[in-house]
Amino acid sequence: MKVRCSACGSKKFIYTQKKENQAAHHGALCAQCHKPITLEDLLPLTQMDPIIKCLIKKRKMV
């Protein structure tokens, strides 16, 4: 699964400290436009990295 900001398209995100006025916010923000990351920003249908696939196969064999 990959993350891409739905507002600006950036792939990078940062974590911040939770503030009292943002009770529902988890702390992840887009590094470019500082929009809070939401479910709309997740790309669940993207292909897995080949290295991750290899690690999963090795784990299943053990």
Protein backbone atom coordinates (compact mmCIF):
# COMPACT_ATOMS: atom_id res chain seq x y z
CA MET A 1 0.00 0.00 0.00
CA LYS A 2 1.28 3.44 -0.89
CA VAL A 3 0.38 6.94 0.25
CA ARG A 4 -0.11 9.89 -2.10
CA CYS A 5 -1.63 13.21 -1.07
CA SER A 6 -4.99 13.72 -2.79
CA ALA A 7 -4.53 17.51 -2.71
CA CYS A 8 -1.04 17.98 -4.19
CA GLY A 9 0.10 14.50 -5.28
CA SER A 10 3.14 14.31 -2.99
CA LYS A 11 4.38 10.87 -1.88
CA LYS A 12 6.14 12.21 1.22
CA PHE A 13 4.56 12.62 4.62
CA ILE A 14 5.69 13.61 8.10
CA TYR A 15 4.48 12.94 11.63
CA THR A 16 3.69 15.74 14.06
CA GLN A 17 2.69 15.98 17.69
CA LYS A 18 -1.04 15.69 18.32
CA LYS A 19 -2.56 19.03 19.35
CA GLU A 20 -5.58 19.43 21.62
CA ASN A 21 -7.65 21.14 18.91
CA GLN A 22 -7.07 18.20 16.54
CA ALA A 23 -8.64 15.41 18.59
CA ALA A 24 -9.36 13.16 15.58
CA HIS A 25 -6.03 13.80 13.84
CA HIS A 26 -3.41 11.03 14.15
CA GLY A 27 -0.37 13.19 13.34
CA ALA A 28 0.49 12.26 9.73
CA LEU A 29 0.68 15.26 7.38
CA CYS A 30 1.63 15.71 3.75
CA ALA A 31 5.22 17.00 3.69
CA GLN A 32 4.44 19.34 0.78
CA CYS A 33 1.08 20.99 1.59
CA HIS A 34 0.67 19.92 5.27
CA LYS A 35 -2.81 18.45 4.70
CA PRO A 36 -3.67 15.71 7.23
CA ILE A 37 -3.39 12.27 5.62
CA THR A 38 -6.79 10.57 5.32
CA LEU A 39 -8.15 7.34 3.84
CA GLU A 40 -8.51 9.14 0.50
CA ASP A 41 -4.71 9.36 0.34
CA LEU A 42 -4.11 5.60 0.63
CA LEU A 43 -3.58 3.62 -2.56
CA PRO A 44 -4.42 0.05 -1.47
CA LEU A 45 -4.42 -1.45 -4.96
CA THR A 46 -0.84 -0.52 -5.85
CA GLN A 47 1.57 -3.32 -6.60
CA MET A 48 3.82 -4.57 -3.84
CA ASP A 49 7.53 -3.89 -3.99
CA PRO A 50 9.40 -6.98 -5.32
CA ILE A 51 11.56 -7.09 -2.18
CA ILE A 52 8.45 -7.23 0.03
CA LYS A 53 7.05 -10.07 -2.10
CA CYS A 54 10.29 -12.01 -1.66
CA LEU A 55 10.27 -11.50 2.13
CA ILE A 56 6.66 -12.68 2.36
CA LYS A 57 7.47 -15.83 0.36
CA LYS A 58 10.45 -16.59 2.62
CA ARG A 59 8.32 -16.11 5.73
CA LYS A 60 5.67 -18.53 4.42
CA MET A 61 8.34 -21.18 3.77
CA VAL A 62 9.59 -21.13 7.36
